[in-house]
Amino acid sequence: MTLAAARAASVNWQSVFDQLRLQGPVLWAALAPPERARLVRQLRVFWDVHRFRIAPQVAAVLDRRHAAGTVDTIAARLVASNDEDGSLAVSFQRRGQTRIETMRFAAVINTTGPAHGQALQLNPALSSLAEAGLIRTDQYGLGIETGLDSRAIGRDGAAVATLLVAGPLARGTFGELMGLPEVARHAQTVAVEIAKLLVTLPSAQAIGPNAAHRPHVG
């Protein structure tokens, strides 16, 4: 209905999505965990397609390629990819179908975005934190589980007081956190929490190599 009203008022759909992005954290917070999981499972792919946009120049090139028949858009699930005689044989299953097709391509470009759900396995620094029990993947597979104060939730389910997560890896808690405006606002919130934390920590002088011989002031 909102899109139809915008169209009638000669407002493009991109503007509608921009407003939806602003409301994203509020909408996400209002959803119960099962509803969040269902949204990620069923609607995330459609959100990503409309949320992340390409430059007009790139769109013009793709339009020309589509018109010339040299580019096709296929909604499908990747099944396998293998090198065969100097080309890539890609097997896929089109959306809504069970038959697996195989086509050959000169090159394949992965544009699915960052694999935040696998970040704890793929990133050495995050892997070490996970192994130490300081972080864990959120239940929606979007990144790292945090509390509402952005503190990481450890393996035991307790918040880690001195470990805060800023940016896209905290999406499981806050919802839309991929765009620069959202990331900047979240970073500011995390900075406030860090400032509060620094007040409670020992001074830099008190944690030096001779800390045991220094008087505690406070």
N, C-alpha and C. Protein backbone atom coordinates (compact mmCIF):
# COMPACT_ATOMS: atom_id res chain seq x y z
N MET A 1 0.82 -1.20 0.00
CA MET A 1 0.00 0.00 0.00
C MET A 1 0.86 1.26 0.00
N THR A 2 1.93 1.23 0.79
CA THR A 2 2.80 2.40 0.86
C THR A 2 3.47 2.66 -0.48
N LEU A 3 3.93 1.57 -1.15
CA LEU A 3 4.55 1.73 -2.45
C LEU A 3 3.55 2.25 -3.48
N ALA A 4 2.31 1.75 -3.41
CA ALA A 4 1.28 2.21 -4.34
C ALA A 4 0.98 3.69 -4.12
N ALA A 5 0.91 4.10 -2.86
CA ALA A 5 0.66 5.51 -2.56
C ALA A 5 1.81 6.38 -3.03
N ALA A 6 3.04 5.88 -2.86
CA ALA A 6 4.21 6.64 -3.32
C ALA A 6 4.20 6.78 -4.83
N ARG A 7 3.85 5.69 -5.53
CA ARG A 7 3.79 5.73 -6.99
C ARG A 7 2.76 6.74 -7.46
N ALA A 8 1.61 6.77 -6.77
CA ALA A 8 0.56 7.72 -7.14
C ALA A 8 1.00 9.16 -6.93
N ALA A 9 1.92 9.35 -5.96
CA ALA A 9 2.41 10.70 -5.67
C ALA A 9 3.71 11.00 -6.43
N SER A 10 4.05 10.14 -7.39
CA SER A 10 5.26 10.30 -8.20
C SER A 10 6.53 10.25 -7.35
N VAL A 11 6.50 9.43 -6.30
CA VAL A 11 7.67 9.22 -5.44
C VAL A 11 8.24 7.83 -5.77
N ASN A 12 9.54 7.73 -5.99
CA ASN A 12 10.13 6.44 -6.38
C ASN A 12 10.20 5.49 -5.19
N TRP A 13 10.31 4.19 -5.50
CA TRP A 13 10.32 3.18 -4.45
C TRP A 13 11.57 3.25 -3.59
N GLN A 14 12.67 3.78 -4.15
CA GLN A 14 13.90 3.89 -3.38
C GLN A 14 13.71 4.79 -2.15
N SER A 15 12.94 5.85 -2.32
CA SER A 15 12.68 6.75 -1.20
C SER A 15 11.89 6.05 -0.10
N VAL A 16 10.98 5.17 -0.51
CA VAL A 16 10.20 4.40 0.47
C VAL A 16 11.12 3.48 1.27
N PHE A 17 12.05 2.83 0.58
CA PHE A 17 12.98 1.94 1.26
C PHE A 17 13.93 2.71 2.17
N ASP A 18 14.29 3.93 1.79
CA ASP A 18 15.14 4.73 2.65
C ASP A 18 14.45 5.03 3.98
N GLN A 19 13.15 5.31 3.92
CA GLN A 19 12.39 5.52 5.15
C GLN A 19 12.27 4.24 5.96
N LEU A 20 12.12 3.12 5.26
CA LEU A 20 12.04 1.84 5.94
C LEU A 20 13.35 1.51 6.65
N ARG A 21 14.46 1.87 6.03
CA ARG A 21 15.77 1.68 6.67
C ARG A 21 15.85 2.43 7.98
N LEU A 22 15.33 3.66 8.02
CA LEU A 22 15.36 4.45 9.24
C LEU A 22 14.55 3.79 10.35
N GLN A 23 13.48 3.10 9.96
CA GLN A 23 12.63 2.44 10.94
C GLN A 23 13.09 1.02 11.26
N GLY A 24 14.12 0.55 10.54
CA GLY A 24 14.56 -0.83 10.67
C GLY A 24 14.83 -1.28 12.10
N PRO A 25 15.65 -0.54 12.87
CA PRO A 25 15.94 -0.97 14.24
C PRO A 25 14.70 -1.07 15.12
N VAL A 26 13.76 -0.15 14.94
CA VAL A 26 12.53 -0.17 15.75
C VAL A 26 11.68 -1.38 15.38
N LEU A 27 11.55 -1.66 14.08
CA LEU A 27 10.77 -2.81 13.63
C LEU A 27 11.41 -4.12 14.10
N TRP A 28 12.73 -4.20 14.00
CA TRP A 28 13.44 -5.42 14.42
C TRP A 28 13.25 -5.66 15.92
N ALA A 29 13.35 -4.59 16.70
CA ALA A 29 13.21 -4.70 18.15
C ALA A 29 11.81 -5.15 18.55
N ALA A 30 10.81 -4.83 17.71
CA ALA A 30 9.42 -5.18 18.03
C ALA A 30 9.09 -6.64 17.71
N LEU A 31 9.95 -7.32 16.94
CA LEU A 31 9.68 -8.69 16.54
C LEU A 31 10.17 -9.68 17.58
N ALA A 32 9.39 -10.73 17.80
CA ALA A 32 9.81 -11.82 18.67
C ALA A 32 10.86 -12.66 17.94
N PRO A 33 11.74 -13.36 18.66
CA PRO A 33 12.80 -14.16 18.01
C PRO A 33 12.31 -15.07 16.88
N PRO A 34 11.19 -15.81 17.03
CA PRO A 34 10.73 -16.64 15.91
C PRO A 34 10.38 -15.82 14.66
N GLU A 35 9.82 -14.63 14.87
CA GLU A 35 9.47 -13.77 13.74
C GLU A 35 10.72 -13.22 13.07
N ARG A 36 11.72 -12.91 13.87
CA ARG A 36 13.00 -12.45 13.29
C ARG A 36 13.62 -13.56 12.44
N ALA A 37 13.61 -14.77 12.98
CA ALA A 37 14.19 -15.90 12.25
C ALA A 37 13.45 -16.13 10.94
N ARG A 38 12.14 -16.01 10.96
CA ARG A 38 11.34 -16.22 9.74
C ARG A 38 11.62 -15.11 8.73
N LEU A 39 11.78 -13.88 9.21
CA LEU A 39 12.09 -12.77 8.31
C LEU A 39 13.42 -13.00 7.62
N VAL A 40 14.44 -13.40 8.40
CA VAL A 40 15.77 -13.64 7.82
C VAL A 40 15.71 -14.78 6.81
N ARG A 41 14.96 -15.82 7.14
CA ARG A 41 14.89 -17.01 6.28
C ARG A 41 14.13 -16.75 4.99
N GLN A 42 13.04 -15.99 5.05
CA GLN A 42 12.16 -15.86 3.89
C GLN A 42 12.26 -14.53 3.17
N LEU A 43 12.61 -13.46 3.86
CA LEU A 43 12.56 -12.14 3.23
C LEU A 43 13.92 -11.48 3.05
N ARG A 44 14.95 -12.02 3.67
CA ARG A 44 16.25 -11.35 3.60
C ARG A 44 16.74 -11.18 2.17
N VAL A 45 16.57 -12.21 1.34
CA VAL A 45 17.06 -12.13 -0.03
C VAL A 45 16.37 -10.99 -0.79
N PHE A 46 15.08 -10.78 -0.55
CA PHE A 46 14.36 -9.70 -1.25
C PHE A 46 14.78 -8.34 -0.70
N TRP A 47 15.01 -8.28 0.62
CA TRP A 47 15.48 -7.03 1.22
C TRP A 47 16.84 -6.65 0.66
N ASP A 48 17.76 -7.62 0.59
CA ASP A 48 19.11 -7.33 0.11
C ASP A 48 19.10 -6.84 -1.34
N VAL A 49 18.24 -7.42 -2.17
CA VAL A 49 18.18 -7.03 -3.58
C VAL A 49 17.76 -5.57 -3.72
N HIS A 50 16.82 -5.13 -2.89
CA HIS A 50 16.33 -3.76 -3.01
C HIS A 50 17.08 -2.78 -2.11
N ARG A 51 17.68 -3.30 -1.06
CA ARG A 51 18.39 -2.42 -0.12
C ARG A 51 19.74 -1.97 -0.70
N PHE A 52 20.48 -2.89 -1.33
CA PHE A 52 21.81 -2.57 -1.86
C PHE A 52 21.71 -2.29 -3.35
N ARG A 53 22.02 -1.07 -3.74
CA ARG A 53 21.80 -0.62 -5.11
C ARG A 53 23.12 -0.34 -5.82
N ILE A 54 23.08 -0.55 -7.11
CA ILE A 54 24.27 -0.30 -7.91
C ILE A 54 24.23 1.12 -8.48
N ALA A 55 25.37 1.58 -8.94
CA ALA A 55 25.45 2.92 -9.52
C ALA A 55 24.68 2.97 -10.84
N PRO A 56 24.13 4.13 -11.20
CA PRO A 56 23.37 4.26 -12.45
C PRO A 56 24.17 3.85 -13.69
N GLN A 57 25.48 4.13 -13.67
CA GLN A 57 26.31 3.78 -14.82
C GLN A 57 26.37 2.26 -15.01
N VAL A 58 26.49 1.55 -13.89
CA VAL A 58 26.53 0.09 -13.95
C VAL A 58 25.17 -0.45 -14.40
N ALA A 59 24.10 0.14 -13.90
CA ALA A 59 22.76 -0.28 -14.29
C ALA A 59 22.55 -0.10 -15.78
N ALA A 60 23.09 1.00 -16.34
CA ALA A 60 22.94 1.26 -17.77
C ALA A 60 23.65 0.18 -18.59
N VAL A 61 24.84 -0.22 -18.14
CA VAL A 61 25.58 -1.28 -18.83
C VAL A 61 24.80 -2.59 -18.80
N LEU A 62 24.26 -2.92 -17.64
CA LEU A 62 23.49 -4.16 -17.52
C LEU A 62 22.24 -4.13 -18.39
N ASP A 63 21.59 -2.97 -18.45
CA ASP A 63 20.40 -2.84 -19.31
C ASP A 63 20.75 -3.10 -20.77
N ARG A 64 21.89 -2.55 -21.21
CA ARG A 64 22.32 -2.76 -22.59
C ARG A 64 22.64 -4.24 -22.84
N ARG A 65 23.29 -4.86 -21.87
CA ARG A 65 23.64 -6.28 -21.98
C ARG A 65 22.38 -7.16 -22.02
N HIS A 66 21.42 -6.83 -21.18
CA HIS A 66 20.16 -7.58 -21.19
C HIS A 66 19.47 -7.45 -22.55
N ALA A 67 19.44 -6.22 -23.07
CA ALA A 67 18.80 -5.98 -24.36
C ALA A 67 19.50 -6.72 -25.49
N ALA A 68 20.83 -6.87 -25.37
CA ALA A 68 21.60 -7.56 -26.41
C ALA A 68 21.59 -9.08 -26.23
N GLY A 69 21.07 -9.53 -25.09
CA GLY A 69 21.00 -10.97 -24.84
C GLY A 69 22.30 -11.58 -24.35
N THR A 70 23.24 -10.73 -23.88
CA THR A 70 24.52 -11.25 -23.38
C THR A 70 24.56 -11.38 -21.85
N VAL A 71 23.49 -10.96 -21.20
CA VAL A 71 23.38 -11.10 -19.73
C VAL A 71 21.99 -11.60 -19.40
N ASP A 72 21.93 -12.55 -18.48
CA ASP A 72 20.64 -13.08 -18.03
C ASP A 72 20.60 -13.05 -16.51
N THR A 73 19.43 -12.88 -15.94
CA THR A 73 19.26 -12.89 -14.50
C THR A 73 18.54 -14.18 -14.10
N ILE A 74 19.19 -14.97 -13.25
CA ILE A 74 18.63 -16.26 -12.85
C ILE A 74 18.55 -16.31 -11.33
N ALA A 75 17.38 -16.51 -10.80
CA ALA A 75 17.20 -16.69 -9.35
C ALA A 75 17.35 -18.18 -9.07
N ALA A 76 18.41 -18.56 -8.38
CA ALA A 76 18.68 -19.98 -8.19
C ALA A 76 19.58 -20.20 -6.98
N ARG A 77 19.69 -21.47 -6.61
CA ARG A 77 20.59 -21.90 -5.53
C ARG A 77 21.79 -22.60 -6.14
N LEU A 78 22.98 -22.17 -5.75
CA LEU A 78 24.20 -22.78 -6.27
C LEU A 78 24.37 -24.19 -5.69
N VAL A 79 24.58 -25.15 -6.57
CA VAL A 79 24.75 -26.54 -6.15
C VAL A 79 26.22 -26.94 -6.18
N ALA A 80 26.91 -26.61 -7.28
CA ALA A 80 28.32 -26.98 -7.41
C ALA A 80 28.98 -26.14 -8.48
N SER A 81 30.32 -26.07 -8.43
CA SER A 81 31.09 -25.35 -9.44
C SER A 81 32.41 -26.08 -9.63
N ASN A 82 32.75 -26.39 -10.89
CA ASN A 82 33.97 -27.15 -11.17
C ASN A 82 34.68 -26.62 -12.41
N ASP A 83 36.01 -26.72 -12.41
CA ASP A 83 36.80 -26.35 -13.58
C ASP A 83 36.69 -27.46 -14.62
N GLU A 84 36.34 -27.07 -15.85
CA GLU A 84 36.24 -28.05 -16.93
C GLU A 84 36.72 -27.43 -18.23
N ASP A 85 37.85 -27.90 -18.72
CA ASP A 85 38.38 -27.46 -20.02
C ASP A 85 38.48 -25.95 -20.14
N GLY A 86 39.04 -25.31 -19.12
CA GLY A 86 39.27 -23.88 -19.19
C GLY A 86 38.07 -23.01 -18.88
N SER A 87 36.94 -23.60 -18.51
CA SER A 87 35.77 -22.83 -18.14
C SER A 87 35.21 -23.37 -16.82
N LEU A 88 34.23 -22.67 -16.28
CA LEU A 88 33.61 -23.10 -15.03
C LEU A 88 32.25 -23.71 -15.31
N ALA A 89 32.08 -24.96 -14.90
CA ALA A 89 30.79 -25.63 -15.02
C ALA A 89 30.03 -25.41 -13.72
N VAL A 90 28.97 -24.62 -13.79
CA VAL A 90 28.21 -24.26 -12.60
C VAL A 90 26.86 -24.97 -12.62
N SER A 91 26.60 -25.72 -11.56
CA SER A 91 25.32 -26.41 -11.42
C SER A 91 24.45 -25.62 -10.45
N PHE A 92 23.20 -25.42 -10.82
CA PHE A 92 22.31 -24.63 -9.97
C PHE A 92 20.87 -25.14 -10.08
N GLN A 93 20.09 -24.74 -9.09
CA GLN A 93 18.67 -25.12 -9.04
C GLN A 93 17.84 -23.85 -9.03
N ARG A 94 17.08 -23.63 -10.08
CA ARG A 94 16.28 -22.41 -10.17
C ARG A 94 15.24 -22.35 -9.04
N ARG A 95 14.94 -21.13 -8.62
CA ARG A 95 13.97 -20.95 -7.55
C ARG A 95 12.62 -21.55 -7.94
N GLY A 96 12.08 -22.37 -7.04
CA GLY A 96 10.77 -22.99 -7.27
C GLY A 96 10.81 -24.25 -8.09
N GLN A 97 12.02 -24.70 -8.50
CA GLN A 97 12.14 -25.91 -9.30
C GLN A 97 13.03 -26.93 -8.59
N THR A 98 12.91 -28.18 -8.98
CA THR A 98 13.72 -29.24 -8.38
C THR A 98 14.83 -29.71 -9.32
N ARG A 99 14.71 -29.43 -10.61
CA ARG A 99 15.70 -29.89 -11.58
C ARG A 99 17.00 -29.10 -11.44
N ILE A 100 18.13 -29.78 -11.50
CA ILE A 100 19.44 -29.14 -11.43
C ILE A 100 19.99 -28.96 -12.84
N GLU A 101 20.35 -27.73 -13.17
CA GLU A 101 20.91 -27.41 -14.48
C GLU A 101 22.41 -27.13 -14.35
N THR A 102 23.13 -27.31 -15.44
CA THR A 102 24.56 -27.00 -15.46
C THR A 102 24.87 -26.15 -16.69
N MET A 103 25.55 -25.02 -16.46
CA MET A 103 25.96 -24.13 -17.55
C MET A 103 27.43 -23.81 -17.37
N ARG A 104 28.08 -23.45 -18.50
CA ARG A 104 29.51 -23.11 -18.46
C ARG A 104 29.72 -21.61 -18.60
N PHE A 105 30.68 -21.10 -17.83
CA PHE A 105 30.96 -19.67 -17.82
C PHE A 105 32.47 -19.46 -17.85
N ALA A 106 32.88 -18.32 -18.41
CA ALA A 106 34.30 -17.97 -18.45
C ALA A 106 34.78 -17.49 -17.09
N ALA A 107 33.89 -16.86 -16.33
CA ALA A 107 34.25 -16.34 -15.00
C ALA A 107 33.01 -16.27 -14.13
N VAL A 108 33.20 -16.35 -12.84
CA VAL A 108 32.12 -16.22 -11.87
C VAL A 108 32.54 -15.20 -10.82
N ILE A 109 31.66 -14.26 -10.53
CA ILE A 109 31.93 -13.22 -9.52
C ILE A 109 30.98 -13.42 -8.35
N ASN A 110 31.54 -13.56 -7.16
CA ASN A 110 30.72 -13.72 -5.96
C ASN A 110 30.28 -12.35 -5.46
N THR A 111 28.99 -12.06 -5.51
CA THR A 111 28.47 -10.77 -5.06
C THR A 111 27.44 -10.95 -3.96
N THR A 112 27.57 -12.02 -3.19
CA THR A 112 26.59 -12.29 -2.13
C THR A 112 26.86 -11.49 -0.87
N GLY A 113 27.97 -10.75 -0.84
CA GLY A 113 28.26 -9.94 0.34
C GLY A 113 29.03 -10.72 1.40
N PRO A 114 29.35 -10.07 2.51
CA PRO A 114 30.15 -10.72 3.56
C PRO A 114 29.39 -11.86 4.22
N ALA A 115 30.11 -12.93 4.52
CA ALA A 115 29.50 -14.10 5.17
C ALA A 115 29.57 -13.92 6.68
N HIS A 116 28.74 -13.00 7.20
CA HIS A 116 28.80 -12.70 8.62
C HIS A 116 28.47 -13.92 9.48
N GLY A 117 27.62 -14.80 8.98
CA GLY A 117 27.26 -15.98 9.75
C GLY A 117 28.42 -16.94 9.94
N GLN A 118 29.44 -16.83 9.08
CA GLN A 118 30.62 -17.70 9.18
C GLN A 118 31.86 -16.93 9.63
N ALA A 119 31.66 -15.70 10.09
CA ALA A 119 32.80 -14.86 10.45
C ALA A 119 33.64 -15.47 11.55
N LEU A 120 33.00 -16.16 12.49
CA LEU A 120 33.74 -16.74 13.60
C LEU A 120 34.63 -17.89 13.16
N GLN A 121 34.29 -18.52 12.03
CA GLN A 121 35.12 -19.60 11.50
C GLN A 121 36.18 -19.09 10.52
N LEU A 122 35.87 -18.02 9.79
CA LEU A 122 36.74 -17.56 8.72
C LEU A 122 37.76 -16.52 9.16
N ASN A 123 37.46 -15.77 10.21
CA ASN A 123 38.35 -14.70 10.66
C ASN A 123 39.18 -15.20 11.84
N PRO A 124 40.52 -15.24 11.71
CA PRO A 124 41.37 -15.78 12.78
C PRO A 124 41.18 -15.08 14.13
N ALA A 125 41.05 -13.75 14.09
CA ALA A 125 40.90 -13.01 15.34
C ALA A 125 39.59 -13.38 16.04
N LEU A 126 38.51 -13.46 15.25
CA LEU A 126 37.22 -13.82 15.83
C LEU A 126 37.21 -15.28 16.26
N SER A 127 37.90 -16.12 15.52
CA SER A 127 37.98 -17.54 15.89
C SER A 127 38.63 -17.71 17.25
N SER A 128 39.69 -16.95 17.49
CA SER A 128 40.39 -17.05 18.77
C SER A 128 39.50 -16.58 19.91
N LEU A 129 38.70 -15.53 19.66
CA LEU A 129 37.79 -15.05 20.70
C LEU A 129 36.70 -16.08 20.98
N ALA A 130 36.22 -16.74 19.90
CA ALA A 130 35.20 -17.77 20.07
C ALA A 130 35.75 -18.96 20.84
N GLU A 131 36.98 -19.36 20.51
CA GLU A 131 37.61 -20.48 21.20
C GLU A 131 37.82 -20.19 22.68
N ALA A 132 38.04 -18.91 22.99
CA ALA A 132 38.22 -18.51 24.39
C ALA A 132 36.88 -18.38 25.11
N GLY A 133 35.79 -18.55 24.37
CA GLY A 133 34.47 -18.47 24.98
C GLY A 133 33.96 -17.06 25.18
N LEU A 134 34.59 -16.08 24.50
CA LEU A 134 34.21 -14.68 24.70
C LEU A 134 33.12 -14.21 23.76
N ILE A 135 32.94 -14.88 22.62
CA ILE A 135 31.88 -14.51 21.67
C ILE A 135 31.23 -15.78 21.14
N ARG A 136 30.04 -15.61 20.55
CA ARG A 136 29.35 -16.70 19.89
C ARG A 136 28.46 -16.14 18.80
N THR A 137 28.13 -16.97 17.82
CA THR A 137 27.27 -16.54 16.71
C THR A 137 25.86 -16.29 17.22
N ASP A 138 25.21 -15.24 16.70
CA ASP A 138 23.84 -15.00 17.12
C ASP A 138 22.91 -16.05 16.51
N GLN A 139 21.71 -16.17 17.07
CA GLN A 139 20.81 -17.25 16.68
C GLN A 139 20.24 -17.10 15.27
N TYR A 140 20.45 -15.95 14.63
CA TYR A 140 19.92 -15.75 13.27
C TYR A 140 21.01 -15.93 12.21
N GLY A 141 22.25 -16.19 12.65
CA GLY A 141 23.34 -16.39 11.70
C GLY A 141 23.77 -15.12 11.01
N LEU A 142 23.59 -13.97 11.65
CA LEU A 142 23.95 -12.69 11.04
C LEU A 142 25.28 -12.14 11.52
N GLY A 143 25.79 -12.67 12.61
CA GLY A 143 27.05 -12.15 13.14
C GLY A 143 27.29 -12.62 14.55
N ILE A 144 27.67 -11.68 15.43
CA ILE A 144 28.01 -11.98 16.82
C ILE A 144 26.86 -11.58 17.73
N GLU A 145 26.53 -12.44 18.67
CA GLU A 145 25.45 -12.13 19.61
C GLU A 145 25.92 -11.08 20.61
N THR A 146 25.10 -10.06 20.82
CA THR A 146 25.41 -9.01 21.79
C THR A 146 24.18 -8.70 22.62
N GLY A 147 24.39 -7.96 23.71
CA GLY A 147 23.28 -7.43 24.47
C GLY A 147 22.85 -6.11 23.86
N LEU A 148 21.82 -5.49 24.42
CA LEU A 148 21.34 -4.21 23.91
C LEU A 148 22.36 -3.09 24.15
N ASP A 149 23.34 -3.34 25.02
CA ASP A 149 24.41 -2.36 25.24
C ASP A 149 25.62 -2.64 24.36
N SER A 150 25.47 -3.56 23.39
CA SER A 150 26.49 -3.92 22.40
C SER A 150 27.63 -4.76 22.99
N ARG A 151 27.51 -5.19 24.24
CA ARG A 151 28.53 -6.06 24.81
C ARG A 151 28.35 -7.48 24.28
N ALA A 152 29.47 -8.11 23.94
CA ALA A 152 29.42 -9.46 23.40
C ALA A 152 28.88 -10.44 24.43
N ILE A 153 28.14 -11.43 23.96
CA ILE A 153 27.64 -12.50 24.81
C ILE A 153 28.57 -13.70 24.64
N GLY A 154 29.12 -14.18 25.74
CA GLY A 154 30.06 -15.27 25.68
C GLY A 154 29.40 -16.63 25.53
N ARG A 155 30.23 -17.66 25.48
CA ARG A 155 29.74 -19.02 25.31
C ARG A 155 28.77 -19.43 26.41
N ASP A 156 28.99 -18.89 27.63
CA ASP A 156 28.15 -19.26 28.76
C ASP A 156 26.86 -18.46 28.84
N GLY A 157 26.64 -17.56 27.88
CA GLY A 157 25.42 -16.76 27.85
C GLY A 157 25.49 -15.48 28.65
N ALA A 158 26.65 -15.21 29.26
CA ALA A 158 26.82 -13.99 30.03
C ALA A 158 27.50 -12.92 29.20
N ALA A 159 27.19 -11.66 29.48
CA ALA A 159 27.81 -10.56 28.76
C ALA A 159 29.26 -10.39 29.19
N VAL A 160 30.13 -10.07 28.22
CA VAL A 160 31.55 -9.81 28.50
C VAL A 160 31.69 -8.30 28.67
N ALA A 161 31.95 -7.87 29.91
CA ALA A 161 31.87 -6.45 30.26
C ALA A 161 32.79 -5.57 29.45
N THR A 162 33.97 -6.07 29.05
CA THR A 162 34.97 -5.21 28.39
C THR A 162 35.11 -5.50 26.90
N LEU A 163 34.15 -6.23 26.32
CA LEU A 163 34.22 -6.54 24.89
C LEU A 163 32.94 -6.07 24.21
N LEU A 164 33.06 -5.04 23.39
CA LEU A 164 31.90 -4.47 22.70
C LEU A 164 32.03 -4.68 21.19
N VAL A 165 30.90 -4.84 20.53
CA VAL A 165 30.85 -5.10 19.09
C VAL A 165 30.16 -3.93 18.40
N ALA A 166 30.84 -3.32 17.43
CA ALA A 166 30.27 -2.20 16.69
C ALA A 166 30.14 -2.57 15.22
N GLY A 167 29.05 -2.16 14.61
CA GLY A 167 28.89 -2.35 13.18
C GLY A 167 28.09 -3.58 12.77
N PRO A 168 28.22 -4.00 11.51
CA PRO A 168 27.38 -5.04 10.92
C PRO A 168 27.34 -6.36 11.68
N LEU A 169 28.41 -6.72 12.39
CA LEU A 169 28.41 -8.00 13.09
C LEU A 169 27.42 -8.03 14.25
N ALA A 170 26.85 -6.88 14.61
CA ALA A 170 25.85 -6.82 15.69
C ALA A 170 24.43 -6.80 15.14
N ARG A 171 24.25 -7.14 13.87
CA ARG A 171 22.92 -7.07 13.24
C ARG A 171 21.89 -7.94 13.93
N GLY A 172 22.31 -9.07 14.48
CA GLY A 172 21.36 -9.96 15.11
C GLY A 172 20.62 -9.31 16.26
N THR A 173 21.24 -8.32 16.88
CA THR A 173 20.61 -7.61 17.99
C THR A 173 19.87 -6.36 17.53
N PHE A 174 20.45 -5.64 16.58
CA PHE A 174 19.92 -4.33 16.23
C PHE A 174 19.24 -4.24 14.87
N GLY A 175 19.28 -5.30 14.07
CA GLY A 175 18.64 -5.25 12.77
C GLY A 175 19.52 -4.62 11.71
N GLU A 176 18.97 -3.71 10.91
CA GLU A 176 19.71 -3.10 9.80
C GLU A 176 20.94 -2.36 10.31
N LEU A 177 22.14 -2.88 9.91
CA LEU A 177 23.39 -2.26 10.34
C LEU A 177 24.43 -2.39 9.24
N MET A 178 24.02 -2.24 7.99
CA MET A 178 24.94 -2.39 6.88
C MET A 178 25.29 -1.06 6.22
N GLY A 179 24.37 -0.12 6.26
CA GLY A 179 24.62 1.17 5.61
C GLY A 179 25.49 2.08 6.47
N LEU A 180 26.20 2.99 5.84
CA LEU A 180 27.09 3.90 6.55
C LEU A 180 26.37 4.71 7.62
N PRO A 181 25.18 5.27 7.36
CA PRO A 181 24.51 6.04 8.41
C PRO A 181 24.21 5.19 9.64
N GLU A 182 23.73 3.96 9.43
CA GLU A 182 23.41 3.08 10.55
C GLU A 182 24.67 2.69 11.33
N VAL A 183 25.73 2.37 10.59
CA VAL A 183 26.99 1.99 11.23
C VAL A 183 27.56 3.15 12.05
N ALA A 184 27.48 4.36 11.50
CA ALA A 184 28.02 5.54 12.20
C ALA A 184 27.25 5.79 13.49
N ARG A 185 25.92 5.68 13.42
CA ARG A 185 25.12 5.91 14.64
C ARG A 185 25.43 4.86 15.70
N HIS A 186 25.57 3.61 15.26
CA HIS A 186 25.86 2.54 16.21
C HIS A 186 27.25 2.72 16.81
N ALA A 187 28.20 3.13 16.00
CA ALA A 187 29.56 3.36 16.50
C ALA A 187 29.56 4.46 17.57
N GLN A 188 28.75 5.49 17.38
CA GLN A 188 28.65 6.55 18.38
C GLN A 188 28.10 6.01 19.70
N THR A 189 27.10 5.14 19.59
CA THR A 189 26.52 4.54 20.80
C THR A 189 27.54 3.68 21.53
N VAL A 190 28.29 2.89 20.76
CA VAL A 190 29.33 2.04 21.36
C VAL A 190 30.42 2.91 22.00
N ALA A 191 30.77 4.02 21.36
CA ALA A 191 31.80 4.91 21.90
C ALA A 191 31.37 5.45 23.26
N VAL A 192 30.09 5.75 23.42
CA VAL A 192 29.58 6.23 24.71
C VAL A 192 29.75 5.15 25.78
N GLU A 193 29.45 3.91 25.41
CA GLU A 193 29.61 2.80 26.35
C GLU A 193 31.07 2.61 26.74
N ILE A 194 31.97 2.76 25.76
CA ILE A 194 33.40 2.62 26.03
C ILE A 194 33.87 3.73 26.97
N ALA A 195 33.37 4.94 26.74
CA ALA A 195 33.75 6.07 27.60
C ALA A 195 33.33 5.80 29.05
N LYS A 196 32.14 5.23 29.22
CA LYS A 196 31.68 4.88 30.57
C LYS A 196 32.58 3.82 31.18
N LEU A 197 32.98 2.86 30.35
CA LEU A 197 33.80 1.75 30.82
C LEU A 197 35.18 2.24 31.26
N LEU A 198 35.76 3.18 30.51
CA LEU A 198 37.09 3.68 30.83
C LEU A 198 37.14 4.36 32.18
N VAL A 199 36.04 4.94 32.59
CA VAL A 199 36.00 5.60 33.89
C VAL A 199 36.18 4.61 35.02
N THR A 200 35.70 3.38 34.81
CA THR A 200 35.76 2.36 35.86
C THR A 200 37.04 1.54 35.85
N LEU A 201 37.85 1.65 34.79
CA LEU A 201 39.07 0.86 34.69
C LEU A 201 40.23 1.55 35.41
N PRO A 202 41.25 0.78 35.83
CA PRO A 202 42.43 1.39 36.45
C PRO A 202 43.12 2.32 35.47
N SER A 203 43.85 3.29 35.98
CA SER A 203 44.56 4.22 35.10
C SER A 203 45.67 3.50 34.37
N ALA A 204 46.17 4.10 33.27
CA ALA A 204 47.25 3.50 32.49
C ALA A 204 48.49 3.29 33.34
N GLN A 205 48.76 4.22 34.28
CA GLN A 205 49.94 4.09 35.13
C GLN A 205 49.82 2.88 36.06
N ALA A 206 48.59 2.60 36.49
CA ALA A 206 48.38 1.53 37.47
C ALA A 206 48.48 0.13 36.88
N ILE A 207 48.52 0.03 35.53
CA ILE A 207 48.57 -1.30 34.92
C ILE A 207 49.89 -1.53 34.19
N GLY A 208 50.92 -0.73 34.51
CA GLY A 208 52.24 -0.89 33.92
C GLY A 208 53.00 -2.03 34.57
N PRO A 209 54.27 -2.25 34.16
CA PRO A 209 55.07 -3.35 34.67
C PRO A 209 55.32 -3.27 36.17
N ASN A 210 55.28 -2.04 36.74
CA ASN A 210 55.51 -1.88 38.17
C ASN A 210 54.22 -1.56 38.92
N ALA A 211 53.10 -2.06 38.39
CA ALA A 211 51.80 -1.72 38.96
C ALA A 211 51.71 -2.10 40.43
N ALA A 212 52.36 -3.21 40.82
CA ALA A 212 52.24 -3.68 42.20
C ALA A 212 52.88 -2.71 43.19
N HIS A 213 53.79 -1.87 42.71
CA HIS A 213 54.50 -0.97 43.59
C HIS A 213 53.94 0.46 43.54
N ARG A 214 52.85 0.63 42.79
CA ARG A 214 52.26 1.97 42.67
C ARG A 214 51.07 2.07 43.60
N PRO A 215 50.88 3.23 44.22
CA PRO A 215 49.69 3.41 45.04
C PRO A 215 48.46 3.55 44.18
N HIS A 216 47.34 3.02 44.63
CA HIS A 216 46.09 3.14 43.88
C HIS A 216 45.42 4.44 44.26
N VAL A 217 45.08 5.24 43.30
CA VAL A 217 44.44 6.52 43.54
C VAL A 217 43.03 6.45 42.97
N GLY A 218 42.06 6.77 43.76
CA GLY A 218 40.70 6.74 43.25
C GLY A 218 39.70 6.71 44.36
